[in-house]
Amino acid sequence: MSHSASPTVALAGNSALLFNLLGYPAGTLVCTTVGAPGGTDSRAGRHRIERPALHVEGGSAGFPISVQLAGRPGREDQVLAVMRALEAMARSGPVPLATQ
């Protein structure tokens, strides 16, 4: 990573800043990373929304996927407990997405 990227990286934790300023405990947790695109190239050009999405997906491999949590004021214990549980789940391997 180049030194010039540091302002962009500094914004990564900025999403929790407003919650913290207002007294709501908040934090972000990296759960996984974007995988390399696989098998999606066959859809390229099929739909006007899919084309740009596939382009972004191809350049995003390895980027972090995070979850942001916020709790009620004074309930840091709950936010930290949920973050610990999510971190443990993330370390144990990928969690399949629920489908309905």
C-alpha atoms as a PDB file:
ATOM      1  CA  MET A   1       0.000   0.000   0.000  1.00  0.00           C
ATOM      2  CA  SER A   2       1.380   3.387  -0.897  1.00  0.00           C
ATOM      3  CA  HIS A   3       1.738   6.214   1.577  1.00  0.00           C
ATOM      4  CA  SER A   4      -0.724   8.294  -0.432  1.00  0.00           C
ATOM      5  CA  ALA A   5      -3.464   5.752   0.380  1.00  0.00           C
ATOM      6  CA  SER A   6      -3.397   6.568   4.098  1.00  0.00           C
ATOM      7  CA  PRO A   7      -6.216   9.177   3.970  1.00  0.00           C
ATOM      8  CA  THR A   8      -8.465   6.566   2.370  1.00  0.00           C
ATOM      9  CA  VAL A   9      -7.523   3.924   4.913  1.00  0.00           C
ATOM     10  CA  ALA A  10      -8.154   6.376   7.759  1.00  0.00           C
ATOM     11  CA  LEU A  11     -11.771   6.680   6.588  1.00  0.00           C
ATOM     12  CA  ALA A  12     -12.306   2.952   7.140  1.00  0.00           C
ATOM     13  CA  GLY A  13     -13.080   3.460  10.841  1.00  0.00           C
ATOM     14  CA  ASN A  14     -14.984   6.660  10.175  1.00  0.00           C
ATOM     15  CA  SER A  15     -18.317   4.832   9.927  1.00  0.00           C
ATOM     16  CA  ALA A  16     -18.403   4.306  13.705  1.00  0.00           C
ATOM     17  CA  LEU A  17     -17.313   7.880  14.486  1.00  0.00           C
ATOM     18  CA  LEU A  18     -20.798   9.432  14.591  1.00  0.00           C
ATOM     19  CA  PHE A  19     -22.123   6.682  16.860  1.00  0.00           C
ATOM     20  CA  ASN A  20     -19.200   7.177  19.228  1.00  0.00           C
ATOM     21  CA  LEU A  21     -19.609  10.971  19.262  1.00  0.00           C
ATOM     22  CA  LEU A  22     -23.279  10.548  20.191  1.00  0.00           C
ATOM     23  CA  GLY A  23     -22.449   8.144  23.012  1.00  0.00           C
ATOM     24  CA  TYR A  24     -23.502   4.929  21.290  1.00  0.00           C
ATOM     25  CA  PRO A  25     -20.873   2.204  21.555  1.00  0.00           C
ATOM     26  CA  ALA A  26     -19.939   1.048  18.081  1.00  0.00           C
ATOM     27  CA  GLY A  27     -17.250  -0.791  16.242  1.00  0.00           C
ATOM     28  CA  THR A  28     -16.433  -2.525  12.996  1.00  0.00           C
ATOM     29  CA  LEU A  29     -15.173  -6.044  12.552  1.00  0.00           C
ATOM     30  CA  VAL A  30     -13.620  -7.583   9.456  1.00  0.00           C
ATOM     31  CA  CYS A  31     -15.388 -10.904   8.931  1.00  0.00           C
ATOM     32  CA  THR A  32     -13.942 -12.125   5.640  1.00  0.00           C
ATOM     33  CA  THR A  33     -12.534 -10.925   2.349  1.00  0.00           C
ATOM     34  CA  VAL A  34     -13.893 -10.740  -1.171  1.00  0.00           C
ATOM     35  CA  GLY A  35     -12.995 -13.916  -3.003  1.00  0.00           C
ATOM     36  CA  ALA A  36     -11.661 -14.101  -6.512  1.00  0.00           C
ATOM     37  CA  PRO A  37     -14.477 -14.068  -9.029  1.00  0.00           C
ATOM     38  CA  GLY A  38     -15.186 -17.527 -10.287  1.00  0.00           C
ATOM     39  CA  GLY A  39     -17.692 -18.659 -12.833  1.00  0.00           C
ATOM     40  CA  THR A  40     -19.381 -15.265 -13.027  1.00  0.00           C
ATOM     41  CA  ASP A  41     -17.718 -14.255 -16.294  1.00  0.00           C
ATOM     42  CA  SER A  42     -20.328 -16.213 -18.225  1.00  0.00           C
ATOM     43  CA  ARG A  43     -22.876 -13.571 -17.207  1.00  0.00           C
ATOM     44  CA  ALA A  44     -20.748 -10.663 -18.455  1.00  0.00           C
ATOM     45  CA  GLY A  45     -22.673  -8.446 -20.802  1.00  0.00           C
ATOM     46  CA  ARG A  46     -26.004 -10.073 -20.065  1.00  0.00           C
ATOM     47  CA  HIS A  47     -27.528  -7.255 -18.063  1.00  0.00           C
ATOM     48  CA  ARG A  48     -26.710  -3.553 -17.811  1.00  0.00           C
ATOM     49  CA  ILE A  49     -26.431  -3.792 -14.007  1.00  0.00           C
ATOM     50  CA  GLU A  50     -24.354  -6.974 -13.986  1.00  0.00           C
ATOM     51  CA  ARG A  51     -21.629  -5.619 -16.296  1.00  0.00           C
ATOM     52  CA  PRO A  52     -20.408  -2.883 -13.918  1.00  0.00           C
ATOM     53  CA  ALA A  53     -20.919  -5.171 -10.912  1.00  0.00           C
ATOM     54  CA  LEU A  54     -18.705  -7.842 -12.475  1.00  0.00           C
ATOM     55  CA  HIS A  55     -16.081  -5.226 -13.264  1.00  0.00           C
ATOM     56  CA  VAL A  56     -16.008  -4.075  -9.626  1.00  0.00           C
ATOM     57  CA  GLU A  57     -16.033  -7.659  -8.373  1.00  0.00           C
ATOM     58  CA  GLY A  58     -12.977  -8.488 -10.458  1.00  0.00           C
ATOM     59  CA  GLY A  59     -10.972  -5.662  -8.921  1.00  0.00           C
ATOM     60  CA  SER A  60     -12.126  -6.311  -5.358  1.00  0.00           C
ATOM     61  CA  ALA A  61     -10.558  -9.708  -4.652  1.00  0.00           C
ATOM     62  CA  GLY A  62      -8.918  -9.658  -1.240  1.00  0.00           C
ATOM     63  CA  PHE A  63     -10.719  -6.556   0.030  1.00  0.00           C
ATOM     64  CA  PRO A  64     -12.185  -6.863   3.530  1.00  0.00           C
ATOM     65  CA  ILE A  65     -15.877  -7.383   4.175  1.00  0.00           C
ATOM     66  CA  SER A  66     -16.848  -5.845   7.498  1.00  0.00           C
ATOM     67  CA  VAL A  67     -19.784  -5.657   9.844  1.00  0.00           C
ATOM     68  CA  GLN A  68     -20.577  -2.509  11.799  1.00  0.00           C
ATOM     69  CA  LEU A  69     -22.264  -2.844  15.168  1.00  0.00           C
ATOM     70  CA  ALA A  70     -23.821  -0.177  17.364  1.00  0.00           C
ATOM     71  CA  GLY A  71     -25.523  -0.531  20.707  1.00  0.00           C
ATOM     72  CA  ARG A  72     -27.486   1.500  23.174  1.00  0.00           C
ATOM     73  CA  PRO A  73     -25.605   4.045  25.266  1.00  0.00           C
ATOM     74  CA  GLY A  74     -23.866   2.400  28.190  1.00  0.00           C
ATOM     75  CA  ARG A  75     -24.100  -1.104  26.693  1.00  0.00           C
ATOM     76  CA  GLU A  76     -20.531  -1.547  25.526  1.00  0.00           C
ATOM     77  CA  ASP A  77     -20.672  -5.011  27.091  1.00  0.00           C
ATOM     78  CA  GLN A  78     -23.339  -6.129  24.597  1.00  0.00           C
ATOM     79  CA  VAL A  79     -21.530  -4.697  21.584  1.00  0.00           C
ATOM     80  CA  LEU A  80     -18.247  -6.312  22.636  1.00  0.00           C
ATOM     81  CA  ALA A  81     -19.963  -9.662  23.304  1.00  0.00           C
ATOM     82  CA  VAL A  82     -21.542  -9.712  19.837  1.00  0.00           C
ATOM     83  CA  MET A  83     -18.250  -8.645  18.247  1.00  0.00           C
ATOM     84  CA  ARG A  84     -16.422 -11.476  20.061  1.00  0.00           C
ATOM     85  CA  ALA A  85     -19.033 -13.998  18.871  1.00  0.00           C
ATOM     86  CA  LEU A  86     -18.852 -12.763  15.271  1.00  0.00           C
ATOM     87  CA  GLU A  87     -15.066 -12.821  15.350  1.00  0.00           C
ATOM     88  CA  ALA A  88     -15.102 -16.423  16.574  1.00  0.00           C
ATOM     89  CA  MET A  89     -17.522 -17.379  13.789  1.00  0.00           C
ATOM     90  CA  ALA A  90     -15.388 -15.616  11.185  1.00  0.00           C
ATOM     91  CA  ARG A  91     -12.272 -17.453  12.342  1.00  0.00           C
ATOM     92  CA  SER A  92     -14.002 -20.829  12.153  1.00  0.00           C
ATOM     93  CA  GLY A  93     -14.607 -20.467   8.424  1.00  0.00           C
ATOM     94  CA  PRO A  94     -17.097 -19.064   5.968  1.00  0.00           C
ATOM     95  CA  VAL A  95     -20.699 -18.922   7.076  1.00  0.00           C
ATOM     96  CA  PRO A  96     -23.196 -19.709   4.300  1.00  0.00           C
ATOM     97  CA  LEU A  97     -25.661 -16.952   3.528  1.00  0.00           C
ATOM     98  CA  ALA A  98     -29.252 -17.659   4.490  1.00  0.00           C
ATOM     99  CA  THR A  99     -31.629 -17.965   1.566  1.00  0.00           C
ATOM    100  CA  GLN A 100     -35.372 -17.517   1.677  1.00  0.00           C
END
